[in-house]
PDB file of N, CA and C in Angstrom:
ATOM      1  N   MET A   1      54.518 -54.026 193.681  1.00  0.00           N
ATOM      2  CA  MET A   1      54.479 -54.480 195.047  1.00  0.00           C
ATOM      3  C   MET A   1      54.188 -53.285 195.944  1.00  0.00           C
ATOM      4  N   ASN A   2      53.300 -53.456 196.811  1.00  0.00           N
ATOM      5  CA  ASN A   2      52.853 -52.431 197.725  1.00  0.00           C
ATOM      6  C   ASN A   2      53.764 -52.419 198.957  1.00  0.00           C
ATOM      7  N   PRO A   3      54.201 -51.250 199.451  1.00  0.00           N
ATOM      8  CA  PRO A   3      55.076 -51.205 200.629  1.00  0.00           C
ATOM      9  C   PRO A   3      54.460 -51.878 201.851  1.00  0.00           C
ATOM     10  N   SER A   4      53.175 -51.983 201.930  1.00  0.00           N
ATOM     11  CA  SER A   4      52.549 -52.626 203.092  1.00  0.00           C
ATOM     12  C   SER A   4      52.629 -54.147 203.003  1.00  0.00           C
ATOM     13  N   ASP A   5      52.990 -54.711 201.811  1.00  0.00           N
ATOM     14  CA  ASP A   5      53.117 -56.161 201.646  1.00  0.00           C
ATOM     15  C   ASP A   5      54.474 -56.691 202.123  1.00  0.00           C
ATOM     16  N   VAL A   6      55.396 -55.798 202.432  1.00  0.00           N
ATOM     17  CA  VAL A   6      56.742 -56.204 202.837  1.00  0.00           C
ATOM     18  C   VAL A   6      56.741 -56.494 204.327  1.00  0.00           C
ATOM     19  N   ALA A   7      57.357 -57.623 204.714  1.00  0.00           N
ATOM     20  CA  ALA A   7      57.427 -57.983 206.133  1.00  0.00           C
ATOM     21  C   ALA A   7      58.394 -57.049 206.845  1.00  0.00           C
ATOM     22  N   SER A   8      58.077 -56.729 208.057  1.00  0.00           N
ATOM     23  CA  SER A   8      58.973 -55.876 208.843  1.00  0.00           C
ATOM     24  C   SER A   8      60.044 -56.757 209.484  1.00  0.00           C
ATOM     25  N   LEU A   9      61.216 -56.193 209.667  1.00  0.00           N
ATOM     26  CA  LEU A   9      62.304 -56.934 210.290  1.00  0.00           C
ATOM     27  C   LEU A   9      62.087 -56.978 211.788  1.00  0.00           C
ATOM     28  N   SER A  10      62.109 -58.189 212.325  1.00  0.00           N
ATOM     29  CA  SER A  10      61.934 -58.342 213.770  1.00  0.00           C
ATOM     30  C   SER A  10      62.685 -59.594 214.213  1.00  0.00           C
ATOM     31  N   ASP A  11      62.751 -59.815 215.541  1.00  0.00           N
ATOM     32  CA  ASP A  11      63.423 -60.989 216.084  1.00  0.00           C
ATOM     33  C   ASP A  11      62.751 -62.284 215.649  1.00  0.00           C
ATOM     34  N   ALA A  12      61.513 -62.231 215.237  1.00  0.00           N
ATOM     35  CA  ALA A  12      60.799 -63.435 214.830  1.00  0.00           C
ATOM     36  C   ALA A  12      61.391 -64.030 213.554  1.00  0.00           C
ATOM     37  N   LEU A  13      62.103 -63.227 212.774  1.00  0.00           N
ATOM     38  CA  LEU A  13      62.697 -63.718 211.537  1.00  0.00           C
ATOM     39  C   LEU A  13      64.015 -64.462 211.769  1.00  0.00           C
ATOM     40  N   LEU A  14      64.609 -64.284 212.946  1.00  0.00           N
ATOM     41  CA  LEU A  14      65.892 -64.917 213.241  1.00  0.00           C
ATOM     42  C   LEU A  14      65.664 -66.325 213.774  1.00  0.00           C
ATOM     43  N   VAL A  15      66.432 -67.274 213.260  1.00  0.00           N
ATOM     44  CA  VAL A  15      66.321 -68.660 213.698  1.00  0.00           C
ATOM     45  C   VAL A  15      67.704 -69.138 214.104  1.00  0.00           C
ATOM     46  N   VAL A  16      67.805 -69.738 215.266  1.00  0.00           N
ATOM     47  CA  VAL A  16      69.075 -70.266 215.740  1.00  0.00           C
ATOM     48  C   VAL A  16      69.176 -71.719 215.308  1.00  0.00           C
ATOM     49  N   LYS A  17      70.265 -72.062 214.631  1.00  0.00           N
ATOM     50  CA  LYS A  17      70.479 -73.438 214.182  1.00  0.00           C
ATOM     51  C   LYS A  17      71.601 -74.041 215.007  1.00  0.00           C
ATOM     52  N   GLY A  18      71.268 -74.901 215.925  1.00  0.00           N
ATOM     53  CA  GLY A  18      72.290 -75.591 216.709  1.00  0.00           C
ATOM     54  C   GLY A  18      73.187 -74.607 217.432  1.00  0.00           C
ATOM     55  N   SER A  19      74.453 -74.904 217.478  1.00  0.00           N
ATOM     56  CA  SER A  19      75.403 -74.006 218.130  1.00  0.00           C
ATOM     57  C   SER A  19      76.081 -73.165 217.063  1.00  0.00           C
ATOM     58  N   ALA A  20      75.339 -72.238 216.535  1.00  0.00           N
ATOM     59  CA  ALA A  20      75.847 -71.414 215.455  1.00  0.00           C
ATOM     60  C   ALA A  20      76.952 -70.508 215.963  1.00  0.00           C
ATOM     61  N   GLY A  21      77.952 -70.323 215.130  1.00  0.00           N
ATOM     62  CA  GLY A  21      79.068 -69.452 215.470  1.00  0.00           C
ATOM     63  C   GLY A  21      79.895 -69.230 214.222  1.00  0.00           C
ATOM     64  N   PRO A  22      80.879 -68.376 214.348  1.00  0.00           N
ATOM     65  CA  PRO A  22      81.704 -68.136 213.169  1.00  0.00           C
ATOM     66  C   PRO A  22      82.501 -69.384 212.802  1.00  0.00           C
ATOM     67  N   SER A  23      82.615 -69.602 211.527  1.00  0.00           N
ATOM     68  CA  SER A  23      83.363 -70.777 211.080  1.00  0.00           C
ATOM     69  C   SER A  23      84.849 -70.476 211.117  1.00  0.00           C
ATOM     70  N   THR A  24      85.629 -71.515 211.350  1.00  0.00           N
ATOM     71  CA  THR A  24      87.081 -71.359 211.341  1.00  0.00           C
ATOM     72  C   THR A  24      87.585 -71.788 209.973  1.00  0.00           C
ATOM     73  N   PRO A  25      88.535 -71.043 209.432  1.00  0.00           N
ATOM     74  CA  PRO A  25      89.039 -71.413 208.097  1.00  0.00           C
ATOM     75  C   PRO A  25      89.769 -72.748 208.157  1.00  0.00           C
ATOM     76  N   LYS A  26      89.537 -73.559 207.138  1.00  0.00           N
ATOM     77  CA  LYS A  26      90.202 -74.852 207.072  1.00  0.00           C
ATOM     78  C   LYS A  26      91.603 -74.667 206.527  1.00  0.00           C
ATOM     79  N   ARG A  27      92.540 -75.368 207.102  1.00  0.00           N
ATOM     80  CA  ARG A  27      93.910 -75.326 206.597  1.00  0.00           C
ATOM     81  C   ARG A  27      94.001 -76.221 205.379  1.00  0.00           C
ATOM     82  N   LYS A  28      94.777 -75.762 204.426  1.00  0.00           N
ATOM     83  CA  LYS A  28      94.975 -76.579 203.241  1.00  0.00           C
ATOM     84  C   LYS A  28      95.831 -77.773 203.624  1.00  0.00           C
ATOM     85  N   THR A  29      95.366 -78.935 203.253  1.00  0.00           N
ATOM     86  CA  THR A  29      96.154 -80.123 203.533  1.00  0.00           C
ATOM     87  C   THR A  29      97.016 -80.443 202.340  1.00  0.00           C
ATOM     88  N   ARG A  30      98.209 -80.865 202.608  1.00  0.00           N
ATOM     89  CA  ARG A  30      99.124 -81.200 201.522  1.00  0.00           C
ATOM     90  C   ARG A  30      98.721 -82.534 200.938  1.00  0.00           C
ATOM     91  N   ARG A  31      98.566 -82.538 199.641  1.00  0.00           N
ATOM     92  CA  ARG A  31      98.246 -83.786 198.971  1.00  0.00           C
ATOM     93  C   ARG A  31      99.506 -84.622 198.843  1.00  0.00           C
ATOM     94  N   GLY A  32      99.319 -85.896 198.765  1.00  0.00           N
ATOM     95  CA  GLY A  32     100.452 -86.791 198.572  1.00  0.00           C
ATOM     96  C   GLY A  32     101.015 -86.634 197.177  1.00  0.00           C
ATOM     97  N   PRO A  33     102.123 -87.310 196.903  1.00  0.00           N
ATOM     98  CA  PRO A  33     102.722 -87.191 195.570  1.00  0.00           C
ATOM     99  C   PRO A  33     101.791 -87.749 194.506  1.00  0.00           C
ATOM    100  N   LEU A  34     101.918 -87.208 193.312  1.00  0.00           N
ATOM    101  CA  LEU A  34     101.129 -87.710 192.202  1.00  0.00           C
ATOM    102  C   LEU A  34     101.555 -89.126 191.886  1.00  0.00           C
ATOM    103  N   GLU A  35     100.738 -89.835 191.163  1.00  0.00           N
ATOM    104  CA  GLU A  35     101.021 -91.236 190.861  1.00  0.00           C
ATOM    105  C   GLU A  35     102.365 -91.417 190.178  1.00  0.00           C
ATOM    106  N   ASP A  36     102.763 -90.476 189.330  1.00  0.00           N
ATOM    107  CA  ASP A  36     104.025 -90.620 188.616  1.00  0.00           C
ATOM    108  C   ASP A  36     105.156 -89.858 189.295  1.00  0.00           C
ATOM    109  N   SER A  37     104.976 -89.504 190.548  1.00  0.00           N
ATOM    110  CA  SER A  37     106.005 -88.867 191.385  1.00  0.00           C
ATOM    111  C   SER A  37     106.480 -87.521 190.849  1.00  0.00           C
ATOM    112  N   ARG A  38     105.632 -86.802 190.175  1.00  0.00           N
ATOM    113  CA  ARG A  38     106.007 -85.472 189.719  1.00  0.00           C
ATOM    114  C   ARG A  38     105.889 -84.497 190.880  1.00  0.00           C
ATOM    115  N   VAL A  39     106.628 -83.405 190.786  1.00  0.00           N
ATOM    116  CA  VAL A  39     106.605 -82.360 191.794  1.00  0.00           C
ATOM    117  C   VAL A  39     106.115 -81.084 191.134  1.00  0.00           C
ATOM    118  N   ARG A  40     105.287 -80.347 191.833  1.00  0.00           N
ATOM    119  CA  ARG A  40     104.751 -79.094 191.295  1.00  0.00           C
ATOM    120  C   ARG A  40     105.752 -77.976 191.558  1.00  0.00           C
ATOM    121  N   VAL A  41     106.028 -77.176 190.535  1.00  0.00           N
ATOM    122  CA  VAL A  41     106.935 -76.047 190.644  1.00  0.00           C
ATOM    123  C   VAL A  41     106.227 -74.830 190.079  1.00  0.00           C
ATOM    124  N   ALA A  42     106.277 -73.735 190.796  1.00  0.00           N
ATOM    125  CA  ALA A  42     105.675 -72.494 190.312  1.00  0.00           C
ATOM    126  C   ALA A  42     106.759 -71.639 189.674  1.00  0.00           C
ATOM    127  N   LEU A  43     106.429 -71.026 188.562  1.00  0.00           N
ATOM    128  CA  LEU A  43     107.362 -70.175 187.847  1.00  0.00           C
ATOM    129  C   LEU A  43     106.668 -68.858 187.536  1.00  0.00           C
ATOM    130  N   ARG A  44     107.242 -67.776 187.995  1.00  0.00           N
ATOM    131  CA  ARG A  44     106.676 -66.464 187.698  1.00  0.00           C
ATOM    132  C   ARG A  44     107.474 -65.844 186.572  1.00  0.00           C
ATOM    133  N   ILE A  45     106.783 -65.499 185.489  1.00  0.00           N
ATOM    134  CA  ILE A  45     107.437 -64.859 184.349  1.00  0.00           C
ATOM    135  C   ILE A  45     106.646 -63.623 183.956  1.00  0.00           C
ATOM    136  N   ASP A  46     107.311 -62.718 183.266  1.00  0.00           N
ATOM    137  CA  ASP A  46     106.637 -61.498 182.850  1.00  0.00           C
ATOM    138  C   ASP A  46     105.732 -61.782 181.650  1.00  0.00           C
ATOM    139  N   GLU A  47     104.873 -60.821 181.356  1.00  0.00           N
ATOM    140  CA  GLU A  47     103.887 -60.992 180.289  1.00  0.00           C
ATOM    141  C   GLU A  47     104.508 -61.254 178.915  1.00  0.00           C
ATOM    142  N   PRO A  48     105.552 -60.511 178.508  1.00  0.00           N
ATOM    143  CA  PRO A  48     106.121 -60.789 177.176  1.00  0.00           C
ATOM    144  C   PRO A  48     106.654 -62.218 177.049  1.00  0.00           C
ATOM    145  N   ARG A  49     107.314 -62.729 178.075  1.00  0.00           N
ATOM    146  CA  ARG A  49     107.805 -64.109 178.019  1.00  0.00           C
ATOM    147  C   ARG A  49     106.648 -65.101 177.982  1.00  0.00           C
ATOM    148  N   HIS A  50     105.627 -64.826 178.765  1.00  0.00           N
ATOM    149  CA  HIS A  50     104.464 -65.713 178.782  1.00  0.00           C
ATOM    150  C   HIS A  50     103.819 -65.747 177.400  1.00  0.00           C
ATOM    151  N   HIS A  51     103.718 -64.594 176.791  1.00  0.00           N
ATOM    152  CA  HIS A  51     103.125 -64.509 175.446  1.00  0.00           C
ATOM    153  C   HIS A  51     103.962 -65.299 174.441  1.00  0.00           C
ATOM    154  N   ARG A  52     105.283 -65.137 174.491  1.00  0.00           N
ATOM    155  CA  ARG A  52     106.171 -65.876 173.585  1.00  0.00           C
ATOM    156  C   ARG A  52     106.071 -67.383 173.823  1.00  0.00           C
ATOM    157  N   LEU A  53     105.991 -67.787 175.090  1.00  0.00           N
ATOM    158  CA  LEU A  53     105.853 -69.207 175.417  1.00  0.00           C
ATOM    159  C   LEU A  53     104.569 -69.771 174.833  1.00  0.00           C
ATOM    160  N   ARG A  54     103.460 -69.065 175.016  1.00  0.00           N
ATOM    161  CA  ARG A  54     102.174 -69.541 174.495  1.00  0.00           C
ATOM    162  C   ARG A  54     102.196 -69.620 172.969  1.00  0.00           C
ATOM    163  N   LEU A  55     102.792 -68.637 172.314  1.00  0.00           N
ATOM    164  CA  LEU A  55     102.881 -68.659 170.857  1.00  0.00           C
ATOM    165  C   LEU A  55     103.758 -69.814 170.373  1.00  0.00           C
ATOM    166  N   ALA A  56     104.906 -70.010 171.025  1.00  0.00           N
ATOM    167  CA  ALA A  56     105.796 -71.108 170.639  1.00  0.00           C
ATOM    168  C   ALA A  56     105.088 -72.447 170.813  1.00  0.00           C
ATOM    169  N   ALA A  57     104.402 -72.619 171.926  1.00  0.00           N
ATOM    170  CA  ALA A  57     103.675 -73.869 172.172  1.00  0.00           C
ATOM    171  C   ALA A  57     102.597 -74.087 171.115  1.00  0.00           C
ATOM    172  N   ALA A  58     101.895 -73.044 170.758  1.00  0.00           N
ATOM    173  CA  ALA A  58     100.840 -73.165 169.747  1.00  0.00           C
ATOM    174  C   ALA A  58     101.424 -73.532 168.386  1.00  0.00           C
ATOM    175  N   HIS A  59     102.529 -72.885 168.010  1.00  0.00           N
ATOM    176  CA  HIS A  59     103.157 -73.183 166.715  1.00  0.00           C
ATOM    177  C   HIS A  59     103.668 -74.615 166.651  1.00  0.00           C
ATOM    178  N   MET A  60     104.124 -75.146 167.791  1.00  0.00           N
ATOM    179  CA  MET A  60     104.665 -76.505 167.805  1.00  0.00           C
ATOM    180  C   MET A  60     103.605 -77.549 168.140  1.00  0.00           C
ATOM    181  N   HIS A  61     102.371 -77.107 168.356  1.00  0.00           N
ATOM    182  CA  HIS A  61     101.267 -78.002 168.720  1.00  0.00           C
ATOM    183  C   HIS A  61     101.605 -78.796 169.980  1.00  0.00           C
ATOM    184  N   LYS A  62     102.134 -78.094 170.968  1.00  0.00           N
ATOM    185  CA  LYS A  62     102.503 -78.695 172.246  1.00  0.00           C
ATOM    186  C   LYS A  62     101.939 -77.844 173.365  1.00  0.00           C
ATOM    187  N   SER A  63     101.937 -78.407 174.557  1.00  0.00           N
ATOM    188  CA  SER A  63     101.525 -77.628 175.715  1.00  0.00           C
ATOM    189  C   SER A  63     102.690 -76.768 176.182  1.00  0.00           C
ATOM    190  N   ALA A  64     102.374 -75.706 176.891  1.00  0.00           N
ATOM    191  CA  ALA A  64     103.425 -74.843 177.431  1.00  0.00           C
ATOM    192  C   ALA A  64     104.303 -75.637 178.395  1.00  0.00           C
ATOM    193  N   GLN A  65     103.707 -76.549 179.142  1.00  0.00           N
ATOM    194  CA  GLN A  65     104.479 -77.367 180.072  1.00  0.00           C
ATOM    195  C   GLN A  65     105.491 -78.229 179.339  1.00  0.00           C
ATOM    196  N   SER A  66     105.099 -78.849 178.229  1.00  0.00           N
ATOM    197  CA  SER A  66     106.040 -79.705 177.512  1.00  0.00           C
ATOM    198  C   SER A  66     107.164 -78.879 176.893  1.00  0.00           C
ATOM    199  N   VAL A  67     106.869 -77.653 176.458  1.00  0.00           N
ATOM    200  CA  VAL A  67     107.915 -76.783 175.923  1.00  0.00           C
ATOM    201  C   VAL A  67     108.898 -76.409 177.031  1.00  0.00           C
ATOM    202  N   LEU A  68     108.381 -76.046 178.200  1.00  0.00           N
ATOM    203  CA  LEU A  68     109.253 -75.702 179.321  1.00  0.00           C
ATOM    204  C   LEU A  68     110.090 -76.894 179.777  1.00  0.00           C
ATOM    205  N   LEU A  69     109.494 -78.084 179.821  1.00  0.00           N
ATOM    206  CA  LEU A  69     110.255 -79.268 180.235  1.00  0.00           C
ATOM    207  C   LEU A  69     111.360 -79.593 179.237  1.00  0.00           C
ATOM    208  N   ALA A  70     111.071 -79.475 177.959  1.00  0.00           N
ATOM    209  CA  ALA A  70     112.094 -79.734 176.940  1.00  0.00           C
ATOM    210  C   ALA A  70     113.216 -78.702 177.038  1.00  0.00           C
ATOM    211  N   ALA A  71     112.855 -77.452 177.281  1.00  0.00           N
ATOM    212  CA  ALA A  71     113.867 -76.399 177.423  1.00  0.00           C
ATOM    213  C   ALA A  71     114.718 -76.633 178.670  1.00  0.00           C
ATOM    214  N   LEU A  72     114.098 -77.045 179.753  1.00  0.00           N
ATOM    215  CA  LEU A  72     114.840 -77.336 180.983  1.00  0.00           C
ATOM    216  C   LEU A  72     115.785 -78.511 180.782  1.00  0.00           C
ATOM    217  N   ASP A  73     115.306 -79.562 180.121  1.00  0.00           N
ATOM    218  CA  ASP A  73     116.160 -80.719 179.834  1.00  0.00           C
ATOM    219  C   ASP A  73     117.353 -80.306 178.973  1.00  0.00           C
ATOM    220  N   HIS A  74     117.096 -79.485 177.951  1.00  0.00           N
ATOM    221  CA  HIS A  74     118.174 -79.007 177.084  1.00  0.00           C
ATOM    222  C   HIS A  74     119.202 -78.219 177.907  1.00  0.00           C
ATOM    223  N   TYR A  75     118.725 -77.349 178.764  1.00  0.00           N
ATOM    224  CA  TYR A  75     119.606 -76.527 179.587  1.00  0.00           C
ATOM    225  C   TYR A  75     120.439 -77.391 180.523  1.00  0.00           C
ATOM    226  N   LEU A  76     119.796 -78.321 181.187  1.00  0.00           N
ATOM    227  CA  LEU A  76     120.516 -79.170 182.141  1.00  0.00           C
ATOM    228  C   LEU A  76     121.480 -80.134 181.453  1.00  0.00           C
ATOM    229  N   ASP A  77     121.127 -80.618 180.267  1.00  0.00           N
ATOM    230  CA  ASP A  77     121.968 -81.590 179.556  1.00  0.00           C
ATOM    231  C   ASP A  77     123.122 -80.938 178.800  1.00  0.00           C
ATOM    232  N   ARG A  78     122.896 -79.760 178.221  1.00  0.00           N
ATOM    233  CA  ARG A  78     123.907 -79.196 177.322  1.00  0.00           C
ATOM    234  C   ARG A  78     124.570 -77.926 177.842  1.00  0.00           C
ATOM    235  N   ILE A  79     123.844 -77.084 178.526  1.00  0.00           N
ATOM    236  CA  ILE A  79     124.395 -75.803 178.953  1.00  0.00           C
ATOM    237  C   ILE A  79     125.133 -75.924 180.284  1.00  0.00           C
ATOM    238  N   VAL A  80     124.479 -76.518 181.276  1.00  0.00           N
ATOM    239  CA  VAL A  80     125.075 -76.610 182.612  1.00  0.00           C
ATOM    240  C   VAL A  80     126.403 -77.372 182.602  1.00  0.00           C
ATOM    241  N   PRO A  81     126.516 -78.550 181.971  1.00  0.00           N
ATOM    242  CA  PRO A  81     127.808 -79.243 181.994  1.00  0.00           C
ATOM    243  C   PRO A  81     128.941 -78.411 181.382  1.00  0.00           C
ATOM    244  N   ASN A  82     128.658 -77.623 180.370  1.00  0.00           N
ATOM    245  CA  ASN A  82     129.689 -76.787 179.749  1.00  0.00           C
ATOM    246  C   ASN A  82     130.034 -75.566 180.593  1.00  0.00           C
ATOM    247  N   ALA A  83     129.136 -75.158 181.459  1.00  0.00           N
ATOM    248  CA  ALA A  83     129.370 -73.986 182.299  1.00  0.00           C
ATOM    249  C   ALA A  83     130.147 -74.332 183.571  1.00  0.00           C
ATOM    250  N   LEU A  84     130.201 -75.607 183.924  1.00  0.00           N
ATOM    251  CA  LEU A  84     130.894 -76.023 185.147  1.00  0.00           C
ATOM    252  C   LEU A  84     132.390 -76.146 184.889  1.00  0.00           C
ATOM    253  N   ASP A  85     133.179 -75.786 185.888  1.00  0.00           N
ATOM    254  CA  ASP A  85     134.630 -75.936 185.778  1.00  0.00           C
ATOM    255  C   ASP A  85     135.035 -77.404 185.791  1.00  0.00           C
ATOM    256  N   GLU A  86     134.345 -78.195 186.607  1.00  0.00           N
ATOM    257  CA  GLU A  86     134.633 -79.622 186.710  1.00  0.00           C
ATOM    258  C   GLU A  86     133.353 -80.397 186.427  1.00  0.00           C
ATOM    259  N   PRO A  87     133.443 -81.517 185.704  1.00  0.00           N
ATOM    260  CA  PRO A  87     132.236 -82.314 185.447  1.00  0.00           C
ATOM    261  C   PRO A  87     131.672 -82.880 186.747  1.00  0.00           C
ATOM    262  N   CYS A  88     130.380 -83.012 186.793  1.00  0.00           N
ATOM    263  CA  CYS A  88     129.721 -83.537 187.986  1.00  0.00           C
ATOM    264  C   CYS A  88     128.827 -84.702 187.570  1.00  0.00           C
ATOM    265  N   ALA A  89     129.157 -85.900 188.044  1.00  0.00           N
ATOM    266  CA  ALA A  89     128.383 -87.088 187.682  1.00  0.00           C
ATOM    267  C   ALA A  89     126.951 -87.013 188.207  1.00  0.00           C
ATOM    268  N   CYS A  90     126.743 -86.273 189.273  1.00  0.00           N
ATOM    269  CA  CYS A  90     125.390 -86.178 189.847  1.00  0.00           C
ATOM    270  C   CYS A  90     124.427 -85.464 188.902  1.00  0.00           C
ATOM    271  N   LEU A  91     124.936 -84.645 188.003  1.00  0.00           N
ATOM    272  CA  LEU A  91     124.075 -83.932 187.054  1.00  0.00           C
ATOM    273  C   LEU A  91     123.881 -84.682 185.753  1.00  0.00           C
ATOM    274  N   ASP A  92     124.604 -85.774 185.552  1.00  0.00           N
ATOM    275  CA  ASP A  92     124.513 -86.515 184.297  1.00  0.00           C
ATOM    276  C   ASP A  92     123.319 -87.458 184.346  1.00  0.00           C
ATOM    277  N   GLN A  93     122.198 -86.992 183.863  1.00  0.00           N
ATOM    278  CA  GLN A  93     120.958 -87.773 183.860  1.00  0.00           C
ATOM    279  C   GLN A  93     120.513 -88.094 182.443  1.00  0.00           C
ATOM    280  N   ARG A  94     121.379 -87.910 181.468  1.00  0.00           N
ATOM    281  CA  ARG A  94     120.971 -88.064 180.068  1.00  0.00           C
ATOM    282  C   ARG A  94     120.518 -89.476 179.735  1.00  0.00           C
ATOM    283  N   GLY A  95     121.099 -90.470 180.364  1.00  0.00           N
ATOM    284  CA  GLY A  95     120.750 -91.843 180.032  1.00  0.00           C
ATOM    285  C   GLY A  95     119.481 -92.339 180.689  1.00  0.00           C
ATOM    286  N   LYS A  96     118.974 -91.605 181.649  1.00  0.00           N
ATOM    287  CA  LYS A  96     117.795 -92.052 182.388  1.00  0.00           C
ATOM    288  C   LYS A  96     116.523 -91.643 181.660  1.00  0.00           C
ATOM    289  N   PRO A  97     115.522 -92.507 181.681  1.00  0.00           N
ATOM    290  CA  PRO A  97     114.265 -92.173 180.986  1.00  0.00           C
ATOM    291  C   PRO A  97     113.562 -91.001 181.647  1.00  0.00           C
ATOM    292  N   ARG A  98     112.922 -90.209 180.827  1.00  0.00           N
ATOM    293  CA  ARG A  98     112.165 -89.067 181.318  1.00  0.00           C
ATOM    294  C   ARG A  98     110.694 -89.304 181.047  1.00  0.00           C
ATOM    295  N   SER A  99     109.904 -88.399 181.524  1.00  0.00           N
ATOM    296  CA  SER A  99     108.470 -88.492 181.246  1.00  0.00           C
ATOM    297  C   SER A  99     108.264 -88.321 179.746  1.00  0.00           C
ATOM    298  N   ASN A 100     107.055 -88.445 179.321  1.00  0.00           N
ATOM    299  CA  ASN A 100     106.758 -88.411 177.891  1.00  0.00           C
ATOM    300  C   ASN A 100     106.860 -87.008 177.309  1.00  0.00           C
ATOM    301  N   VAL A 101     108.061 -86.441 177.374  1.00  0.00           N
ATOM    302  CA  VAL A 101     108.321 -85.114 176.818  1.00  0.00           C
ATOM    303  C   VAL A 101     109.095 -85.291 175.531  1.00  0.00           C
ATOM    304  N   THR A 102     108.594 -84.716 174.464  1.00  0.00           N
ATOM    305  CA  THR A 102     109.279 -84.764 173.183  1.00  0.00           C
ATOM    306  C   THR A 102     110.336 -83.678 173.154  1.00  0.00           C
ATOM    307  N   PRO A 103     111.598 -84.018 172.862  1.00  0.00           N
ATOM    308  CA  PRO A 103     112.615 -82.984 172.859  1.00  0.00           C
ATOM    309  C   PRO A 103     112.382 -81.970 171.745  1.00  0.00           C
ATOM    310  N   LEU A 104     112.831 -80.746 171.994  1.00  0.00           N
ATOM    311  CA  LEU A 104     112.718 -79.711 170.975  1.00  0.00           C
ATOM    312  C   LEU A 104     113.739 -79.974 169.881  1.00  0.00           C
ATOM    313  N   ARG A 105     113.398 -79.610 168.664  1.00  0.00           N
ATOM    314  CA  ARG A 105     114.354 -79.748 167.566  1.00  0.00           C
ATOM    315  C   ARG A 105     115.389 -78.651 167.702  1.00  0.00           C
ATOM    316  N   THR A 106     116.653 -79.018 167.546  1.00  0.00           N
ATOM    317  CA  THR A 106     117.706 -78.011 167.585  1.00  0.00           C
ATOM    318  C   THR A 106     118.148 -77.714 166.166  1.00  0.00           C
ATOM    319  N   PRO A 107     118.412 -76.449 165.861  1.00  0.00           N
ATOM    320  CA  PRO A 107     118.770 -76.078 164.494  1.00  0.00           C
ATOM    321  C   PRO A 107     120.138 -76.615 164.095  1.00  0.00           C
TER     322      PRO A 107
END
């Protein structure tokens, strides 16, 4: 390409489109609840725990989410009631159906 073939920059190259101006960032709108009324929860964990979680999920042929949900259910059903000084009926959810989470096998 020859340097003389390049167009020079001038005002003729600028085109005004309507009322051009800087765009304003859109605010994220909150989505409504999911169809099955689940709530999104963020969990920050360190790399070694994340690695162990992924390996455990792979060995059990489950998703990391299902492993975490089963672990949370186990904790809430078996650990928390034993750690409380007085039983609390509000925490007793064992008889209520849960989502399609397969419980972890206990040794």
